[in-house]
Amino acid sequence: MMRQTFWLLLTALLCFGAPLQAHQMKTAITKLLFNDRSGQLEVMHRFYLHDAEHAVKHLQGKAADIHQQEAARAQFAAYVATHFSLTLNGEPLQLKLLGSELDGRHIWVYQEIALPKAELNTLSVRHDSLMNIWPAQINVVNLEGRGPVRTLKLSKQEPQQSFSFSAVTKPDSPAQH
């Protein structure tokens, strides 16, 4: 009986404890999409809702509720927008904040800007959202729509990095989608 109870407890811990352990790492993912069809450079930030809830309470006070209060979501989106920036060939890009939405276990924050007319040489990304709250926060940035998908991994120690483009980088052809 004791052995059976032990295995039952171990199984329960593995089933219920694994999802809790899986989210201990603080990570957000951002997609930069050069969308030739829309003529926009689209920026889509995805944060775990759990992390955003804690951040909102830290930033706005314990009464803030990202689930029930549109103002709390808007304030979180504005926070993300102030902690994310793009610089093209040394010139800052002025991204427009479109808003946010809840999606299951995530909150999405959207920004965009018209596709730059300048030649792509270097696109610098600064993304230090939540790093002032959690020093271990990692913000992954994926770039799509200009050659193969490329990724930057930003941390508190290195919150800004750059993508470099060769002179021959062209938009993806329709056959590659």
Protein backbone atom coordinates (compact mmCIF):
# COMPACT_ATOMS: atom_id res chain seq x y z
CA MET A 1 0.00 0.00 0.00
CA MET A 2 2.84 2.39 0.91
CA ARG A 3 4.59 1.72 -2.40
CA GLN A 4 1.37 2.33 -4.35
CA THR A 5 0.81 5.65 -2.55
CA PHE A 6 4.39 6.67 -3.32
CA TRP A 7 3.95 6.02 -7.06
CA LEU A 8 0.60 7.78 -7.08
CA LEU A 9 2.14 10.87 -5.46
CA LEU A 10 5.14 10.79 -7.79
CA THR A 11 2.85 10.55 -10.83
CA ALA A 12 0.73 13.47 -9.56
CA LEU A 13 3.84 15.58 -9.01
CA LEU A 14 5.09 14.84 -12.51
CA CYS A 15 1.73 15.58 -14.11
CA PHE A 16 0.96 18.77 -12.22
CA GLY A 17 4.45 19.96 -11.34
CA ALA A 18 5.93 19.81 -14.85
CA PRO A 19 3.75 22.61 -16.29
CA LEU A 20 4.61 24.81 -13.29
CA GLN A 21 8.31 24.12 -13.69
CA ALA A 22 8.13 24.65 -17.45
CA HIS A 23 7.16 28.27 -16.97
CA GLN A 24 9.80 29.26 -14.44
CA MET A 25 11.93 30.72 -17.24
CA LYS A 26 10.82 34.26 -18.10
CA THR A 27 10.69 34.52 -21.89
CA ALA A 28 8.85 36.63 -24.45
CA ILE A 29 8.88 36.19 -28.22
CA THR A 30 8.72 39.00 -30.74
CA LYS A 31 8.18 38.53 -34.46
CA LEU A 32 9.35 41.22 -36.89
CA LEU A 33 7.62 40.61 -40.21
CA PHE A 34 8.53 42.53 -43.35
CA ASN A 35 5.10 42.18 -44.97
CA ASP A 36 5.33 43.23 -48.59
CA ARG A 37 1.60 42.56 -49.14
CA SER A 38 0.50 45.06 -46.48
CA GLY A 39 3.47 47.39 -46.98
CA GLN A 40 4.16 47.25 -43.24
CA LEU A 41 6.91 46.14 -40.93
CA GLU A 42 4.71 44.31 -38.42
CA VAL A 43 5.86 43.77 -34.83
CA MET A 44 4.10 41.14 -32.73
CA HIS A 45 5.15 40.64 -29.11
CA ARG A 46 3.92 37.55 -27.25
CA PHE A 47 4.21 37.41 -23.46
CA TYR A 48 3.00 34.78 -21.06
CA LEU A 49 -0.15 36.16 -19.48
CA HIS A 50 1.11 35.06 -16.06
CA ASP A 51 4.23 37.23 -16.47
CA ALA A 52 2.19 40.17 -17.76
CA GLU A 53 -0.20 39.90 -14.79
CA HIS A 54 2.69 40.13 -12.34
CA ALA A 55 4.26 42.97 -14.30
CA VAL A 56 1.00 44.94 -14.38
CA LYS A 57 0.60 44.58 -10.63
CA HIS A 58 4.23 45.64 -10.14
CA LEU A 59 3.90 48.62 -12.49
CA GLN A 60 0.32 49.74 -11.77
CA GLY A 61 -0.45 48.45 -8.29
CA LYS A 62 -2.10 45.38 -6.84
CA ALA A 63 -5.60 46.37 -7.99
CA ALA A 64 -4.65 46.23 -11.69
CA ASP A 65 -6.33 43.36 -13.53
CA ILE A 66 -5.14 42.61 -17.04
CA HIS A 67 -8.04 40.15 -17.56
CA GLN A 68 -10.85 42.53 -16.67
CA GLN A 69 -9.47 46.01 -17.28
CA GLU A 70 -8.86 47.25 -20.81
CA ALA A 71 -6.91 50.14 -19.25
CA ALA A 72 -4.50 47.68 -17.60
CA ARG A 73 -3.93 45.92 -20.96
CA ALA A 74 -3.40 49.27 -22.68
CA GLN A 75 -0.93 50.33 -20.02
CA PHE A 76 0.98 47.04 -20.40
CA ALA A 77 1.07 47.54 -24.18
CA ALA A 78 2.38 51.09 -23.70
CA TYR A 79 5.03 49.75 -21.31
CA VAL A 80 6.17 47.22 -23.93
CA ALA A 81 6.23 49.94 -26.62
CA THR A 82 8.53 52.10 -24.48
CA HIS A 83 10.87 49.16 -23.86
CA PHE A 84 11.15 48.13 -27.52
CA SER A 85 12.79 50.07 -30.31
CA LEU A 86 14.18 49.57 -33.80
CA THR A 87 16.95 51.52 -35.47
CA LEU A 88 17.56 51.16 -39.21
CA ASN A 89 21.06 52.08 -40.39
CA GLY A 90 21.48 54.23 -37.26
CA GLU A 91 18.13 56.04 -37.66
CA PRO A 92 15.35 55.33 -35.12
CA LEU A 93 12.08 54.00 -36.50
CA GLN A 94 8.87 55.46 -35.05
CA LEU A 95 6.65 52.45 -34.49
CA LYS A 96 2.91 52.89 -34.05
CA LEU A 97 1.32 51.03 -31.14
CA LEU A 98 -1.79 49.24 -32.43
CA GLY A 99 -2.93 47.61 -29.20
CA SER A 100 -3.05 44.25 -27.48
CA GLU A 101 -5.20 41.16 -27.12
CA LEU A 102 -5.52 38.23 -24.78
CA ASP A 103 -5.11 34.81 -26.36
CA GLY A 104 -5.32 31.85 -23.98
CA ARG A 105 -2.14 31.80 -21.91
CA HIS A 106 -0.65 34.78 -23.75
CA ILE A 107 -1.04 38.49 -24.28
CA TRP A 108 -0.06 39.92 -27.64
CA VAL A 109 1.10 43.50 -28.18
CA TYR A 110 1.11 44.84 -31.76
CA GLN A 111 3.12 47.62 -33.39
CA GLU A 112 3.83 48.56 -36.99
CA ILE A 113 5.48 51.03 -39.33
CA ALA A 114 5.43 51.43 -43.10
CA LEU A 115 8.16 49.37 -44.74
CA PRO A 116 11.33 51.45 -44.72
CA LYS A 117 12.36 52.90 -48.08
CA ALA A 118 16.03 52.98 -47.04
CA GLU A 119 18.33 50.15 -48.00
CA LEU A 120 18.58 47.52 -45.27
CA ASN A 121 22.11 47.45 -43.91
CA THR A 122 21.66 47.10 -40.15
CA LEU A 123 18.50 46.75 -38.11
CA SER A 124 19.22 47.24 -34.40
CA VAL A 125 16.73 45.93 -31.86
CA ARG A 126 16.42 47.03 -28.24
CA HIS A 127 13.94 44.99 -26.23
CA ASP A 128 14.28 45.18 -22.46
CA SER A 129 10.63 44.62 -21.51
CA LEU A 130 10.27 43.00 -18.08
CA MET A 131 14.05 42.94 -17.54
CA ASN A 132 13.72 45.62 -14.86
CA ILE A 133 11.29 43.30 -13.03
CA TRP A 134 13.02 39.97 -13.70
CA PRO A 135 16.76 40.17 -14.40
CA ALA A 136 16.63 36.65 -15.94
CA GLN A 137 14.04 37.75 -18.56
CA ILE A 138 14.96 36.67 -22.11
CA ASN A 139 13.34 38.39 -25.11
CA VAL A 140 13.67 36.41 -28.32
CA VAL A 141 13.26 38.37 -31.56
CA ASN A 142 12.61 36.55 -34.85
CA LEU A 143 12.96 38.39 -38.16
CA GLU A 144 10.94 37.14 -41.12
CA GLY A 145 10.35 38.30 -44.67
CA ARG A 146 13.92 39.16 -45.67
CA GLY A 147 15.65 35.88 -46.36
CA PRO A 148 15.67 32.98 -43.92
CA VAL A 149 14.22 33.48 -40.45
CA ARG A 150 16.86 34.93 -38.13
CA THR A 151 16.81 35.18 -34.36
CA LEU A 152 18.26 37.41 -31.65
CA LYS A 153 18.24 36.44 -27.97
CA LEU A 154 18.21 39.58 -25.80
CA SER A 155 19.00 39.60 -22.09
CA LYS A 156 19.58 42.12 -19.32
CA GLN A 157 23.31 41.87 -20.06
CA GLU A 158 22.70 42.43 -23.78
CA PRO A 159 19.30 44.10 -24.37
CA GLN A 160 20.31 45.45 -27.79
CA GLN A 161 21.61 43.54 -30.79
CA SER A 162 21.52 43.91 -34.57
CA PHE A 163 20.60 42.08 -37.72
CA SER A 164 22.98 42.73 -40.61
CA PHE A 165 21.83 42.54 -44.20
CA SER A 166 23.90 42.02 -47.31
CA ALA A 167 23.26 44.17 -50.38
CA VAL A 168 21.66 41.17 -52.10
CA THR A 169 18.96 40.52 -49.45
CA LYS A 170 15.65 40.60 -51.25
CA PRO A 171 12.07 39.94 -50.10
CA ASP A 172 11.11 36.28 -49.92
CA SER A 173 9.67 35.04 -53.18
CA PRO A 174 6.06 33.72 -53.11
CA ALA A 175 7.39 30.21 -53.77
CA GLN A 176 9.20 30.26 -50.38
CA HIS A 177 6.04 30.87 -48.30
